[in-house]
PDB file of all heavy atoms in Angstrom:
ATOM      1  N   LYS A   1      16.553 119.880 -49.309  1.00  0.00           N
ATOM      2  CA  LYS A   1      16.213 119.349 -50.629  1.00  0.00           C
ATOM      3  C   LYS A   1      16.260 120.462 -51.687  1.00  0.00           C
ATOM      4  O   LYS A   1      16.087 121.638 -51.378  1.00  0.00           O
ATOM      5  CB  LYS A   1      14.822 118.713 -50.597  1.00  0.00           C
ATOM      6  CG  LYS A   1      14.715 117.466 -49.707  1.00  0.00           C
ATOM      7  CD  LYS A   1      15.577 116.342 -50.255  1.00  0.00           C
ATOM      8  CE  LYS A   1      15.416 115.056 -49.468  1.00  0.00           C
ATOM      9  NZ  LYS A   1      14.220 114.313 -49.784  1.00  0.00           N
ATOM     10  N   SER A   2      16.451 120.067 -52.949  1.00  0.00           N
ATOM     11  CA  SER A   2      16.617 121.048 -54.025  1.00  0.00           C
ATOM     12  C   SER A   2      15.285 121.677 -54.426  1.00  0.00           C
ATOM     13  O   SER A   2      14.225 121.320 -53.914  1.00  0.00           O
ATOM     14  CB  SER A   2      17.289 120.402 -55.236  1.00  0.00           C
ATOM     15  OG  SER A   2      16.493 119.357 -55.736  1.00  0.00           O
ATOM     16  N   ARG A   3      15.360 122.587 -55.384  1.00  0.00           N
ATOM     17  CA  ARG A   3      14.226 123.481 -55.656  1.00  0.00           C
ATOM     18  C   ARG A   3      13.017 122.795 -56.266  1.00  0.00           C
ATOM     19  O   ARG A   3      11.911 123.307 -56.156  1.00  0.00           O
ATOM     20  CB  ARG A   3      14.696 124.638 -56.553  1.00  0.00           C
ATOM     21  CG  ARG A   3      15.683 125.546 -55.818  1.00  0.00           C
ATOM     22  CD  ARG A   3      16.151 126.734 -56.645  1.00  0.00           C
ATOM     23  NE  ARG A   3      17.120 127.491 -55.866  1.00  0.00           N
ATOM     24  CZ  ARG A   3      18.435 127.328 -55.943  1.00  0.00           C
ATOM     25  NH1 ARG A   3      18.933 126.412 -56.775  1.00  0.00           N
ATOM     26  NH2 ARG A   3      19.260 128.054 -55.217  1.00  0.00           N
ATOM     27  N   ILE A   4      13.212 121.656 -56.932  1.00  0.00           N
ATOM     28  CA  ILE A   4      12.024 120.987 -57.482  1.00  0.00           C
ATOM     29  C   ILE A   4      11.065 120.593 -56.364  1.00  0.00           C
ATOM     30  O   ILE A   4       9.850 120.538 -56.536  1.00  0.00           O
ATOM     31  CB  ILE A   4      12.399 119.744 -58.335  1.00  0.00           C
ATOM     32  CG1 ILE A   4      11.160 119.224 -59.062  1.00  0.00           C
ATOM     33  CG2 ILE A   4      13.063 118.662 -57.485  1.00  0.00           C
ATOM     34  CD1 ILE A   4      11.433 118.137 -60.059  1.00  0.00           C
ATOM     35  N   TYR A   5      11.629 120.344 -55.164  1.00  0.00           N
ATOM     36  CA  TYR A   5      10.787 119.971 -54.031  1.00  0.00           C
ATOM     37  C   TYR A   5       9.939 121.134 -53.537  1.00  0.00           C
ATOM     38  O   TYR A   5       8.979 120.931 -52.801  1.00  0.00           O
ATOM     39  CB  TYR A   5      11.648 119.412 -52.891  1.00  0.00           C
ATOM     40  CG  TYR A   5      12.352 118.126 -53.233  1.00  0.00           C
ATOM     41  CD1 TYR A   5      13.643 118.130 -53.751  1.00  0.00           C
ATOM     42  CD2 TYR A   5      11.718 116.897 -53.073  1.00  0.00           C
ATOM     43  CE1 TYR A   5      14.296 116.942 -54.078  1.00  0.00           C
ATOM     44  CE2 TYR A   5      12.365 115.703 -53.405  1.00  0.00           C
ATOM     45  CZ  TYR A   5      13.649 115.747 -53.907  1.00  0.00           C
ATOM     46  OH  TYR A   5      14.283 114.576 -54.244  1.00  0.00           O
ATOM     47  N   ASP A   6      10.297 122.381 -53.933  1.00  0.00           N
ATOM     48  CA  ASP A   6       9.459 123.523 -53.569  1.00  0.00           C
ATOM     49  C   ASP A   6       8.064 123.353 -54.151  1.00  0.00           C
ATOM     50  O   ASP A   6       7.065 123.753 -53.549  1.00  0.00           O
ATOM     51  CB  ASP A   6      10.071 124.829 -54.094  1.00  0.00           C
ATOM     52  CG  ASP A   6      11.362 125.203 -53.378  1.00  0.00           C
ATOM     53  OD1 ASP A   6      11.630 124.619 -52.301  1.00  0.00           O
ATOM     54  OD2 ASP A   6      12.101 126.066 -53.890  1.00  0.00           O
ATOM     55  N   PHE A   7       8.007 122.763 -55.348  1.00  0.00           N
ATOM     56  CA  PHE A   7       6.707 122.576 -55.999  1.00  0.00           C
ATOM     57  C   PHE A   7       5.957 121.383 -55.396  1.00  0.00           C
ATOM     58  O   PHE A   7       4.732 121.333 -55.425  1.00  0.00           O
ATOM     59  CB  PHE A   7       6.908 122.378 -57.503  1.00  0.00           C
ATOM     60  CG  PHE A   7       7.723 123.466 -58.145  1.00  0.00           C
ATOM     61  CD1 PHE A   7       8.764 123.166 -58.992  1.00  0.00           C
ATOM     62  CD2 PHE A   7       7.451 124.798 -57.875  1.00  0.00           C
ATOM     63  CE1 PHE A   7       9.529 124.169 -59.576  1.00  0.00           C
ATOM     64  CE2 PHE A   7       8.205 125.821 -58.444  1.00  0.00           C
ATOM     65  CZ  PHE A   7       9.250 125.498 -59.299  1.00  0.00           C
ATOM     66  N   VAL A   8       6.705 120.418 -54.854  1.00  0.00           N
ATOM     67  CA  VAL A   8       6.090 119.284 -54.163  1.00  0.00           C
ATOM     68  C   VAL A   8       5.609 119.714 -52.773  1.00  0.00           C
ATOM     69  O   VAL A   8       4.611 119.215 -52.255  1.00  0.00           O
ATOM     70  CB  VAL A   8       7.094 118.113 -54.030  1.00  0.00           C
ATOM     71  CG1 VAL A   8       6.444 116.910 -53.368  1.00  0.00           C
ATOM     72  CG2 VAL A   8       7.642 117.720 -55.396  1.00  0.00           C
ATOM     73  N   LYS A   9       6.342 120.672 -52.182  1.00  0.00           N
ATOM     74  CA  LYS A   9       6.040 121.127 -50.814  1.00  0.00           C
ATOM     75  C   LYS A   9       4.638 121.705 -50.708  1.00  0.00           C
ATOM     76  O   LYS A   9       3.991 121.603 -49.659  1.00  0.00           O
ATOM     77  CB  LYS A   9       7.076 122.168 -50.387  1.00  0.00           C
ATOM     78  CG  LYS A   9       6.944 122.601 -48.937  1.00  0.00           C
ATOM     79  CD  LYS A   9       8.087 123.521 -48.532  1.00  0.00           C
ATOM     80  CE  LYS A   9       7.964 123.896 -47.058  1.00  0.00           C
ATOM     81  NZ  LYS A   9       9.091 124.719 -46.597  1.00  0.00           N
ATOM     82  N   ILE A  10       4.145 122.309 -51.785  1.00  0.00           N
ATOM     83  CA  ILE A  10       2.786 122.859 -51.770  1.00  0.00           C
ATOM     84  C   ILE A  10       1.785 121.762 -51.436  1.00  0.00           C
ATOM     85  O   ILE A  10       0.766 121.991 -50.786  1.00  0.00           O
ATOM     86  CB  ILE A  10       2.458 123.494 -53.137  1.00  0.00           C
ATOM     87  CG1 ILE A  10       3.496 124.563 -53.489  1.00  0.00           C
ATOM     88  CG2 ILE A  10       1.065 124.112 -53.128  1.00  0.00           C
ATOM     89  CD1 ILE A  10       3.407 125.056 -54.927  1.00  0.00           C
ATOM     90  N   TRP A  11       2.100 120.546 -51.875  1.00  0.00           N
ATOM     91  CA  TRP A  11       1.238 119.381 -51.599  1.00  0.00           C
ATOM     92  C   TRP A  11       1.574 118.740 -50.264  1.00  0.00           C
ATOM     93  O   TRP A  11       0.700 118.539 -49.420  1.00  0.00           O
ATOM     94  CB  TRP A  11       1.395 118.383 -52.747  1.00  0.00           C
ATOM     95  CG  TRP A  11       0.749 117.046 -52.564  1.00  0.00           C
ATOM     96  CD1 TRP A  11      -0.235 116.699 -51.681  1.00  0.00           C
ATOM     97  CD2 TRP A  11       1.040 115.851 -53.321  1.00  0.00           C
ATOM     98  NE1 TRP A  11      -0.574 115.373 -51.818  1.00  0.00           N
ATOM     99  CE2 TRP A  11       0.185 114.831 -52.823  1.00  0.00           C
ATOM    100  CE3 TRP A  11       1.912 115.552 -54.352  1.00  0.00           C
ATOM    101  CZ2 TRP A  11       0.221 113.531 -53.334  1.00  0.00           C
ATOM    102  CZ3 TRP A  11       1.928 114.266 -54.869  1.00  0.00           C
ATOM    103  CH2 TRP A  11       1.091 113.273 -54.356  1.00  0.00           C
ATOM    104  N   LEU A  12       2.845 118.422 -50.046  1.00  0.00           N
ATOM    105  CA  LEU A  12       3.237 117.593 -48.898  1.00  0.00           C
ATOM    106  C   LEU A  12       3.623 118.396 -47.661  1.00  0.00           C
ATOM    107  O   LEU A  12       3.799 117.814 -46.587  1.00  0.00           O
ATOM    108  CB  LEU A  12       4.410 116.681 -49.285  1.00  0.00           C
ATOM    109  CG  LEU A  12       4.200 115.781 -50.504  1.00  0.00           C
ATOM    110  CD1 LEU A  12       5.418 114.913 -50.728  1.00  0.00           C
ATOM    111  CD2 LEU A  12       2.952 114.916 -50.347  1.00  0.00           C
ATOM    112  N   GLY A  13       3.774 119.722 -47.792  1.00  0.00           N
ATOM    113  CA  GLY A  13       4.150 120.525 -46.637  1.00  0.00           C
ATOM    114  C   GLY A  13       5.515 120.135 -46.105  1.00  0.00           C
ATOM    115  O   GLY A  13       6.416 119.770 -46.866  1.00  0.00           O
ATOM    116  N   ASP A  14       5.658 120.179 -44.788  1.00  0.00           N
ATOM    117  CA  ASP A  14       6.946 119.868 -44.159  1.00  0.00           C
ATOM    118  C   ASP A  14       6.978 118.444 -43.619  1.00  0.00           C
ATOM    119  O   ASP A  14       7.406 118.207 -42.488  1.00  0.00           O
ATOM    120  CB  ASP A  14       7.239 120.861 -43.023  1.00  0.00           C
ATOM    121  CG  ASP A  14       7.782 122.177 -43.558  1.00  0.00           C
ATOM    122  OD1 ASP A  14       8.544 122.128 -44.533  1.00  0.00           O
ATOM    123  OD2 ASP A  14       7.433 123.235 -43.017  1.00  0.00           O
ATOM    124  N   GLY A  15       6.538 117.485 -44.440  1.00  0.00           N
ATOM    125  CA  GLY A  15       6.680 116.080 -44.069  1.00  0.00           C
ATOM    126  C   GLY A  15       8.142 115.667 -44.170  1.00  0.00           C
ATOM    127  O   GLY A  15       9.000 116.448 -44.587  1.00  0.00           O
ATOM    128  N   LEU A  16       8.428 114.421 -43.823  1.00  0.00           N
ATOM    129  CA  LEU A  16       9.809 113.946 -43.767  1.00  0.00           C
ATOM    130  C   LEU A  16      10.564 114.120 -45.083  1.00  0.00           C
ATOM    131  O   LEU A  16      11.765 114.339 -45.085  1.00  0.00           O
ATOM    132  CB  LEU A  16       9.843 112.456 -43.391  1.00  0.00           C
ATOM    133  CG  LEU A  16       9.927 112.102 -41.911  1.00  0.00           C
ATOM    134  CD1 LEU A  16      10.041 110.600 -41.755  1.00  0.00           C
ATOM    135  CD2 LEU A  16      11.108 112.789 -41.234  1.00  0.00           C
ATOM    136  N   LEU A  17       9.863 114.024 -46.197  1.00  0.00           N
ATOM    137  CA  LEU A  17      10.540 114.123 -47.492  1.00  0.00           C
ATOM    138  C   LEU A  17      11.195 115.484 -47.677  1.00  0.00           C
ATOM    139  O   LEU A  17      12.268 115.583 -48.275  1.00  0.00           O
ATOM    140  CB  LEU A  17       9.538 113.877 -48.630  1.00  0.00           C
ATOM    141  CG  LEU A  17      10.078 114.020 -50.059  1.00  0.00           C
ATOM    142  CD1 LEU A  17      11.104 112.942 -50.356  1.00  0.00           C
ATOM    143  CD2 LEU A  17       8.945 113.992 -51.069  1.00  0.00           C
ATOM    144  N   ILE A  18      10.569 116.544 -47.148  1.00  0.00           N
ATOM    145  CA  ILE A  18      10.977 117.902 -47.491  1.00  0.00           C
ATOM    146  C   ILE A  18      11.540 118.698 -46.312  1.00  0.00           C
ATOM    147  O   ILE A  18      12.428 119.530 -46.491  1.00  0.00           O
ATOM    148  CB  ILE A  18       9.780 118.658 -48.120  1.00  0.00           C
ATOM    149  CG1 ILE A  18       9.384 117.971 -49.436  1.00  0.00           C
ATOM    150  CG2 ILE A  18      10.095 120.123 -48.352  1.00  0.00           C
ATOM    151  CD1 ILE A  18       8.094 118.437 -50.006  1.00  0.00           C
ATOM    152  N   SER A  19      11.062 118.447 -45.105  1.00  0.00           N
ATOM    153  CA  SER A  19      11.447 119.280 -43.955  1.00  0.00           C
ATOM    154  C   SER A  19      12.945 119.228 -43.690  1.00  0.00           C
ATOM    155  O   SER A  19      13.649 118.321 -44.139  1.00  0.00           O
ATOM    156  CB  SER A  19      10.674 118.841 -42.701  1.00  0.00           C
ATOM    157  OG  SER A  19      10.950 117.494 -42.387  1.00  0.00           O
ATOM    158  N   ASN A  20      13.421 120.206 -42.939  1.00  0.00           N
ATOM    159  CA  ASN A  20      14.848 120.314 -42.635  1.00  0.00           C
ATOM    160  C   ASN A  20      15.054 120.597 -41.150  1.00  0.00           C
ATOM    161  O   ASN A  20      14.111 120.864 -40.407  1.00  0.00           O
ATOM    162  CB  ASN A  20      15.480 121.459 -43.451  1.00  0.00           C
ATOM    163  CG  ASN A  20      15.455 121.203 -44.940  1.00  0.00           C
ATOM    164  OD1 ASN A  20      16.085 120.275 -45.406  1.00  0.00           O
ATOM    165  ND2 ASN A  20      14.715 122.014 -45.671  1.00  0.00           N
ATOM    166  N   GLY A  21      16.324 120.556 -40.750  1.00  0.00           N
ATOM    167  CA  GLY A  21      16.709 121.021 -39.427  1.00  0.00           C
ATOM    168  C   GLY A  21      16.041 120.278 -38.286  1.00  0.00           C
ATOM    169  O   GLY A  21      15.807 119.070 -38.337  1.00  0.00           O
ATOM    170  N   GLU A  22      15.678 121.034 -37.270  1.00  0.00           N
ATOM    171  CA  GLU A  22      15.143 120.467 -36.037  1.00  0.00           C
ATOM    172  C   GLU A  22      13.825 119.731 -36.273  1.00  0.00           C
ATOM    173  O   GLU A  22      13.567 118.686 -35.677  1.00  0.00           O
ATOM    174  CB  GLU A  22      14.948 121.577 -34.998  1.00  0.00           C
ATOM    175  CG  GLU A  22      14.513 121.096 -33.627  1.00  0.00           C
ATOM    176  CD  GLU A  22      15.505 120.139 -32.976  1.00  0.00           C
ATOM    177  OE1 GLU A  22      16.724 120.276 -33.211  1.00  0.00           O
ATOM    178  OE2 GLU A  22      15.050 119.236 -32.230  1.00  0.00           O
ATOM    179  N   LYS A  23      12.987 120.289 -37.151  1.00  0.00           N
ATOM    180  CA  LYS A  23      11.693 119.654 -37.412  1.00  0.00           C
ATOM    181  C   LYS A  23      11.891 118.280 -38.050  1.00  0.00           C
ATOM    182  O   LYS A  23      11.238 117.306 -37.656  1.00  0.00           O
ATOM    183  CB  LYS A  23      10.834 120.529 -38.317  1.00  0.00           C
ATOM    184  CG  LYS A  23       9.443 119.940 -38.569  1.00  0.00           C
ATOM    185  CD  LYS A  23       8.514 120.925 -39.237  1.00  0.00           C
ATOM    186  CE  LYS A  23       7.104 120.353 -39.338  1.00  0.00           C
ATOM    187  NZ  LYS A  23       6.150 121.313 -39.944  1.00  0.00           N
ATOM    188  N   TRP A  24      12.791 118.196 -39.035  1.00  0.00           N
ATOM    189  CA  TRP A  24      13.051 116.910 -39.680  1.00  0.00           C
ATOM    190  C   TRP A  24      13.584 115.909 -38.659  1.00  0.00           C
ATOM    191  O   TRP A  24      13.126 114.757 -38.611  1.00  0.00           O
ATOM    192  CB  TRP A  24      14.072 117.072 -40.813  1.00  0.00           C
ATOM    193  CG  TRP A  24      14.468 115.753 -41.413  1.00  0.00           C
ATOM    194  CD1 TRP A  24      13.807 115.068 -42.380  1.00  0.00           C
ATOM    195  CD2 TRP A  24      15.584 114.937 -41.032  1.00  0.00           C
ATOM    196  NE1 TRP A  24      14.443 113.879 -42.648  1.00  0.00           N
ATOM    197  CE2 TRP A  24      15.537 113.771 -41.830  1.00  0.00           C
ATOM    198  CE3 TRP A  24      16.610 115.077 -40.103  1.00  0.00           C
ATOM    199  CZ2 TRP A  24      16.488 112.750 -41.725  1.00  0.00           C
ATOM    200  CZ3 TRP A  24      17.559 114.071 -39.992  1.00  0.00           C
ATOM    201  CH2 TRP A  24      17.501 112.928 -40.798  1.00  0.00           C
ATOM    202  N   PHE A  25      14.545 116.330 -37.843  1.00  0.00           N
ATOM    203  CA  PHE A  25      15.147 115.433 -36.864  1.00  0.00           C
ATOM    204  C   PHE A  25      14.100 114.941 -35.863  1.00  0.00           C
ATOM    205  O   PHE A  25      14.047 113.744 -35.534  1.00  0.00           O
ATOM    206  CB  PHE A  25      16.284 116.160 -36.129  1.00  0.00           C
ATOM    207  CG  PHE A  25      17.011 115.293 -35.131  1.00  0.00           C
ATOM    208  CD1 PHE A  25      17.978 114.386 -35.541  1.00  0.00           C
ATOM    209  CD2 PHE A  25      16.719 115.375 -33.772  1.00  0.00           C
ATOM    210  CE1 PHE A  25      18.646 113.579 -34.627  1.00  0.00           C
ATOM    211  CE2 PHE A  25      17.371 114.576 -32.849  1.00  0.00           C
ATOM    212  CZ  PHE A  25      18.340 113.680 -33.279  1.00  0.00           C
ATOM    213  N   LYS A  26      13.254 115.846 -35.394  1.00  0.00           N
ATOM    214  CA  LYS A  26      12.210 115.493 -34.430  1.00  0.00           C
ATOM    215  C   LYS A  26      11.229 114.489 -35.019  1.00  0.00           C
ATOM    216  O   LYS A  26      10.909 113.464 -34.398  1.00  0.00           O
ATOM    217  CB  LYS A  26      11.472 116.764 -34.001  1.00  0.00           C
ATOM    218  CG  LYS A  26      10.241 116.538 -33.125  1.00  0.00           C
ATOM    219  CD  LYS A  26       9.493 117.851 -32.930  1.00  0.00           C
ATOM    220  CE  LYS A  26       8.128 117.629 -32.326  1.00  0.00           C
ATOM    221  NZ  LYS A  26       7.335 118.882 -32.248  1.00  0.00           N
ATOM    222  N   HIS A  27      10.759 114.757 -36.233  1.00  0.00           N
ATOM    223  CA  HIS A  27       9.783 113.866 -36.871  1.00  0.00           C
ATOM    224  C   HIS A  27      10.401 112.514 -37.212  1.00  0.00           C
ATOM    225  O   HIS A  27       9.744 111.478 -37.090  1.00  0.00           O
ATOM    226  CB  HIS A  27       9.206 114.532 -38.120  1.00  0.00           C
ATOM    227  CG  HIS A  27       8.201 115.590 -37.812  1.00  0.00           C
ATOM    228  ND1 HIS A  27       7.141 115.887 -38.638  1.00  0.00           N
ATOM    229  CD2 HIS A  27       8.083 116.428 -36.760  1.00  0.00           C
ATOM    230  CE1 HIS A  27       6.412 116.848 -38.115  1.00  0.00           C
ATOM    231  NE2 HIS A  27       6.981 117.208 -36.978  1.00  0.00           N
ATOM    232  N   ARG A  28      11.652 112.522 -37.663  1.00  0.00           N
ATOM    233  CA  ARG A  28      12.331 111.258 -37.978  1.00  0.00           C
ATOM    234  C   ARG A  28      12.414 110.383 -36.723  1.00  0.00           C
ATOM    235  O   ARG A  28      12.198 109.173 -36.774  1.00  0.00           O
ATOM    236  CB  ARG A  28      13.738 111.559 -38.517  1.00  0.00           C
ATOM    237  CG  ARG A  28      14.578 110.326 -38.844  1.00  0.00           C
ATOM    238  CD  ARG A  28      14.428 109.897 -40.266  1.00  0.00           C
ATOM    239  NE  ARG A  28      15.253 108.743 -40.578  1.00  0.00           N
ATOM    240  CZ  ARG A  28      15.558 108.336 -41.793  1.00  0.00           C
ATOM    241  NH1 ARG A  28      15.104 108.987 -42.838  1.00  0.00           N
ATOM    242  NH2 ARG A  28      16.300 107.275 -42.001  1.00  0.00           N
ATOM    243  N   LYS A  29      12.720 111.015 -35.590  1.00  0.00           N
ATOM    244  CA  LYS A  29      12.847 110.280 -34.339  1.00  0.00           C
ATOM    245  C   LYS A  29      11.494 109.706 -33.899  1.00  0.00           C
ATOM    246  O   LYS A  29      11.412 108.582 -33.390  1.00  0.00           O
ATOM    247  CB  LYS A  29      13.380 111.233 -33.254  1.00  0.00           C
ATOM    248  CG  LYS A  29      13.791 110.549 -31.965  1.00  0.00           C
ATOM    249  CD  LYS A  29      14.433 111.552 -31.010  1.00  0.00           C
ATOM    250  CE  LYS A  29      14.844 110.863 -29.704  1.00  0.00           C
ATOM    251  NZ  LYS A  29      15.454 111.837 -28.758  1.00  0.00           N
ATOM    252  N   ILE A  30      10.422 110.450 -34.117  1.00  0.00           N
ATOM    253  CA  ILE A  30       9.077 109.995 -33.741  1.00  0.00           C
ATOM    254  C   ILE A  30       8.621 108.847 -34.645  1.00  0.00           C
ATOM    255  O   ILE A  30       8.036 107.864 -34.195  1.00  0.00           O
ATOM    256  CB  ILE A  30       8.062 111.159 -33.829  1.00  0.00           C
ATOM    257  CG1 ILE A  30       8.369 112.219 -32.760  1.00  0.00           C
ATOM    258  CG2 ILE A  30       6.626 110.650 -33.665  1.00  0.00           C
ATOM    259  CD1 ILE A  30       7.606 113.517 -32.970  1.00  0.00           C
ATOM    260  N   ILE A  31       8.909 108.960 -35.943  1.00  0.00           N
ATOM    261  CA  ILE A  31       8.353 108.035 -36.936  1.00  0.00           C
ATOM    262  C   ILE A  31       9.150 106.739 -37.048  1.00  0.00           C
ATOM    263  O   ILE A  31       8.590 105.688 -37.358  1.00  0.00           O
ATOM    264  CB  ILE A  31       8.242 108.753 -38.298  1.00  0.00           C
ATOM    265  CG1 ILE A  31       7.180 109.848 -38.209  1.00  0.00           C
ATOM    266  CG2 ILE A  31       7.904 107.782 -39.417  1.00  0.00           C
ATOM    267  CD1 ILE A  31       7.158 110.783 -39.392  1.00  0.00           C
ATOM    268  N   THR A  32      10.448 106.789 -36.768  1.00  0.00           N
ATOM    269  CA  THR A  32      11.292 105.596 -36.928  1.00  0.00           C
ATOM    270  C   THR A  32      10.725 104.351 -36.237  1.00  0.00           C
ATOM    271  O   THR A  32      10.707 103.265 -36.844  1.00  0.00           O
ATOM    272  CB  THR A  32      12.726 105.883 -36.429  1.00  0.00           C
ATOM    273  OG1 THR A  32      13.309 106.892 -37.266  1.00  0.00           O
ATOM    274  CG2 THR A  32      13.586 104.633 -36.490  1.00  0.00           C
ATOM    275  N   PRO A  33      10.217 104.441 -34.999  1.00  0.00           N
ATOM    276  CA  PRO A  33       9.679 103.229 -34.343  1.00  0.00           C
ATOM    277  C   PRO A  33       8.478 102.611 -35.048  1.00  0.00           C
ATOM    278  O   PRO A  33       8.155 101.446 -34.806  1.00  0.00           O
ATOM    279  CB  PRO A  33       9.293 103.730 -32.943  1.00  0.00           C
ATOM    280  CG  PRO A  33      10.115 104.958 -32.721  1.00  0.00           C
ATOM    281  CD  PRO A  33      10.248 105.587 -34.069  1.00  0.00           C
ATOM    282  N   THR A  34       7.808 103.383 -35.926  1.00  0.00           N
ATOM    283  CA  THR A  34       6.643 102.820 -36.616  1.00  0.00           C
ATOM    284  C   THR A  34       7.037 101.760 -37.636  1.00  0.00           C
ATOM    285  O   THR A  34       6.171 101.068 -38.176  1.00  0.00           O
ATOM    286  CB  THR A  34       5.828 103.932 -37.333  1.00  0.00           C
ATOM    287  OG1 THR A  34       6.626 104.512 -38.356  1.00  0.00           O
ATOM    288  CG2 THR A  34       5.398 105.000 -36.355  1.00  0.00           C
ATOM    289  N   PHE A  35       8.334 101.631 -37.903  1.00  0.00           N
ATOM    290  CA  PHE A  35       8.798 100.596 -38.826  1.00  0.00           C
ATOM    291  C   PHE A  35       9.551  99.495 -38.087  1.00  0.00           C
ATOM    292  O   PHE A  35      10.404  98.817 -38.657  1.00  0.00           O
ATOM    293  CB  PHE A  35       9.667 101.224 -39.925  1.00  0.00           C
ATOM    294  CG  PHE A  35       8.875 102.101 -40.838  1.00  0.00           C
ATOM    295  CD1 PHE A  35       8.849 103.476 -40.653  1.00  0.00           C
ATOM    296  CD2 PHE A  35       8.115 101.557 -41.861  1.00  0.00           C
ATOM    297  CE1 PHE A  35       8.099 104.285 -41.480  1.00  0.00           C
ATOM    298  CE2 PHE A  35       7.359 102.356 -42.698  1.00  0.00           C
ATOM    299  CZ  PHE A  35       7.342 103.722 -42.504  1.00  0.00           C
ATOM    300  N   HIS A  36       9.203  99.327 -36.830  1.00  0.00           N
ATOM    301  CA  HIS A  36       9.773  98.236 -36.031  1.00  0.00           C
ATOM    302  C   HIS A  36       9.310  96.894 -36.596  1.00  0.00           C
ATOM    303  O   HIS A  36       8.240  96.786 -37.213  1.00  0.00           O
ATOM    304  CB  HIS A  36       9.335  98.381 -34.571  1.00  0.00           C
ATOM    305  CG  HIS A  36       9.974  97.399 -33.639  1.00  0.00           C
ATOM    306  ND1 HIS A  36       9.420  96.169 -33.373  1.00  0.00           N
ATOM    307  CD2 HIS A  36      11.116  97.471 -32.924  1.00  0.00           C
ATOM    308  CE1 HIS A  36      10.201  95.514 -32.526  1.00  0.00           C
ATOM    309  NE2 HIS A  36      11.237  96.288 -32.233  1.00  0.00           N
ATOM    310  N   PHE A  37      10.111  95.871 -36.384  1.00  0.00           N
ATOM    311  CA  PHE A  37       9.835  94.538 -36.931  1.00  0.00           C
ATOM    312  C   PHE A  37       8.421  94.065 -36.606  1.00  0.00           C
ATOM    313  O   PHE A  37       7.717  93.536 -37.472  1.00  0.00           O
ATOM    314  CB  PHE A  37      10.860  93.544 -36.377  1.00  0.00           C
ATOM    315  CG  PHE A  37      10.689  92.137 -36.888  1.00  0.00           C
ATOM    316  CD1 PHE A  37      11.145  91.780 -38.148  1.00  0.00           C
ATOM    317  CD2 PHE A  37      10.059  91.175 -36.111  1.00  0.00           C
ATOM    318  CE1 PHE A  37      10.981  90.486 -38.627  1.00  0.00           C
ATOM    319  CE2 PHE A  37       9.887  89.884 -36.577  1.00  0.00           C
ATOM    320  CZ  PHE A  37      10.349  89.536 -37.840  1.00  0.00           C
ATOM    321  N   SER A  38       7.977  94.264 -35.360  1.00  0.00           N
ATOM    322  CA  SER A  38       6.654  93.763 -34.955  1.00  0.00           C
ATOM    323  C   SER A  38       5.538  94.469 -35.713  1.00  0.00           C
ATOM    324  O   SER A  38       4.507  93.868 -36.033  1.00  0.00           O
ATOM    325  CB  SER A  38       6.461  93.969 -33.443  1.00  0.00           C
ATOM    326  OG  SER A  38       6.552  95.341 -33.111  1.00  0.00           O
ATOM    327  N   ILE A  39       5.733  95.755 -36.042  1.00  0.00           N
ATOM    328  CA  ILE A  39       4.715  96.493 -36.788  1.00  0.00           C
ATOM    329  C   ILE A  39       4.723  96.069 -38.249  1.00  0.00           C
ATOM    330  O   ILE A  39       3.676  95.950 -38.890  1.00  0.00           O
ATOM    331  CB  ILE A  39       4.937  98.013 -36.632  1.00  0.00           C
ATOM    332  CG1 ILE A  39       4.724  98.406 -35.174  1.00  0.00           C
ATOM    333  CG2 ILE A  39       4.004  98.808 -37.538  1.00  0.00           C
ATOM    334  CD1 ILE A  39       5.121  99.810 -34.824  1.00  0.00           C
ATOM    335  N   LEU A  40       5.910  95.804 -38.791  1.00  0.00           N
ATOM    336  CA  LEU A  40       6.001  95.318 -40.163  1.00  0.00           C
ATOM    337  C   LEU A  40       5.274  93.979 -40.324  1.00  0.00           C
ATOM    338  O   LEU A  40       4.715  93.687 -41.376  1.00  0.00           O
ATOM    339  CB  LEU A  40       7.466  95.173 -40.585  1.00  0.00           C
ATOM    340  CG  LEU A  40       8.228  96.483 -40.825  1.00  0.00           C
ATOM    341  CD1 LEU A  40       9.709  96.219 -41.047  1.00  0.00           C
ATOM    342  CD2 LEU A  40       7.656  97.240 -42.018  1.00  0.00           C
ATOM    343  N   GLN A  41       5.273  93.173 -39.267  1.00  0.00           N
ATOM    344  CA  GLN A  41       4.544  91.895 -39.317  1.00  0.00           C
ATOM    345  C   GLN A  41       3.050  92.125 -39.529  1.00  0.00           C
ATOM    346  O   GLN A  41       2.403  91.382 -40.267  1.00  0.00           O
ATOM    347  CB  GLN A  41       4.775  91.115 -38.017  1.00  0.00           C
ATOM    348  CG  GLN A  41       6.114  90.390 -37.972  1.00  0.00           C
ATOM    349  CD  GLN A  41       6.244  89.525 -36.729  1.00  0.00           C
ATOM    350  OE1 GLN A  41       6.028  89.990 -35.608  1.00  0.00           O
ATOM    351  NE2 GLN A  41       6.611  88.271 -36.924  1.00  0.00           N
ATOM    352  N   SER A  42       2.504  93.148 -38.861  1.00  0.00           N
ATOM    353  CA  SER A  42       1.073  93.423 -39.035  1.00  0.00           C
ATOM    354  C   SER A  42       0.780  93.955 -40.434  1.00  0.00           C
ATOM    355  O   SER A  42      -0.281  93.692 -41.008  1.00  0.00           O
ATOM    356  CB  SER A  42       0.588  94.417 -37.975  1.00  0.00           C
ATOM    357  OG  SER A  42       1.135  95.698 -38.171  1.00  0.00           O
ATOM    358  N   PHE A  43       1.720  94.709 -41.011  1.00  0.00           N
ATOM    359  CA  PHE A  43       1.535  95.188 -42.377  1.00  0.00           C
ATOM    360  C   PHE A  43       1.533  94.034 -43.374  1.00  0.00           C
ATOM    361  O   PHE A  43       0.958  94.140 -44.458  1.00  0.00           O
ATOM    362  CB  PHE A  43       2.647  96.184 -42.748  1.00  0.00           C
ATOM    363  CG  PHE A  43       2.516  97.531 -42.088  1.00  0.00           C
ATOM    364  CD1 PHE A  43       3.644  98.274 -41.757  1.00  0.00           C
ATOM    365  CD2 PHE A  43       1.280  98.076 -41.800  1.00  0.00           C
ATOM    366  CE1 PHE A  43       3.542  99.519 -41.165  1.00  0.00           C
ATOM    367  CE2 PHE A  43       1.157  99.320 -41.204  1.00  0.00           C
ATOM    368  CZ  PHE A  43       2.287 100.038 -40.886  1.00  0.00           C
TER     369      PHE A  43
END
């Protein structure tokens, strides 16, 4: 992500919005199932 996100990173850290590389890929893989159809029904 571009440099404006450096100022957001102080707040959000290395969450999905900002992280890169292996950490982003790992977290994306973990979090993706949380938006499964059955979970969206409960929301």
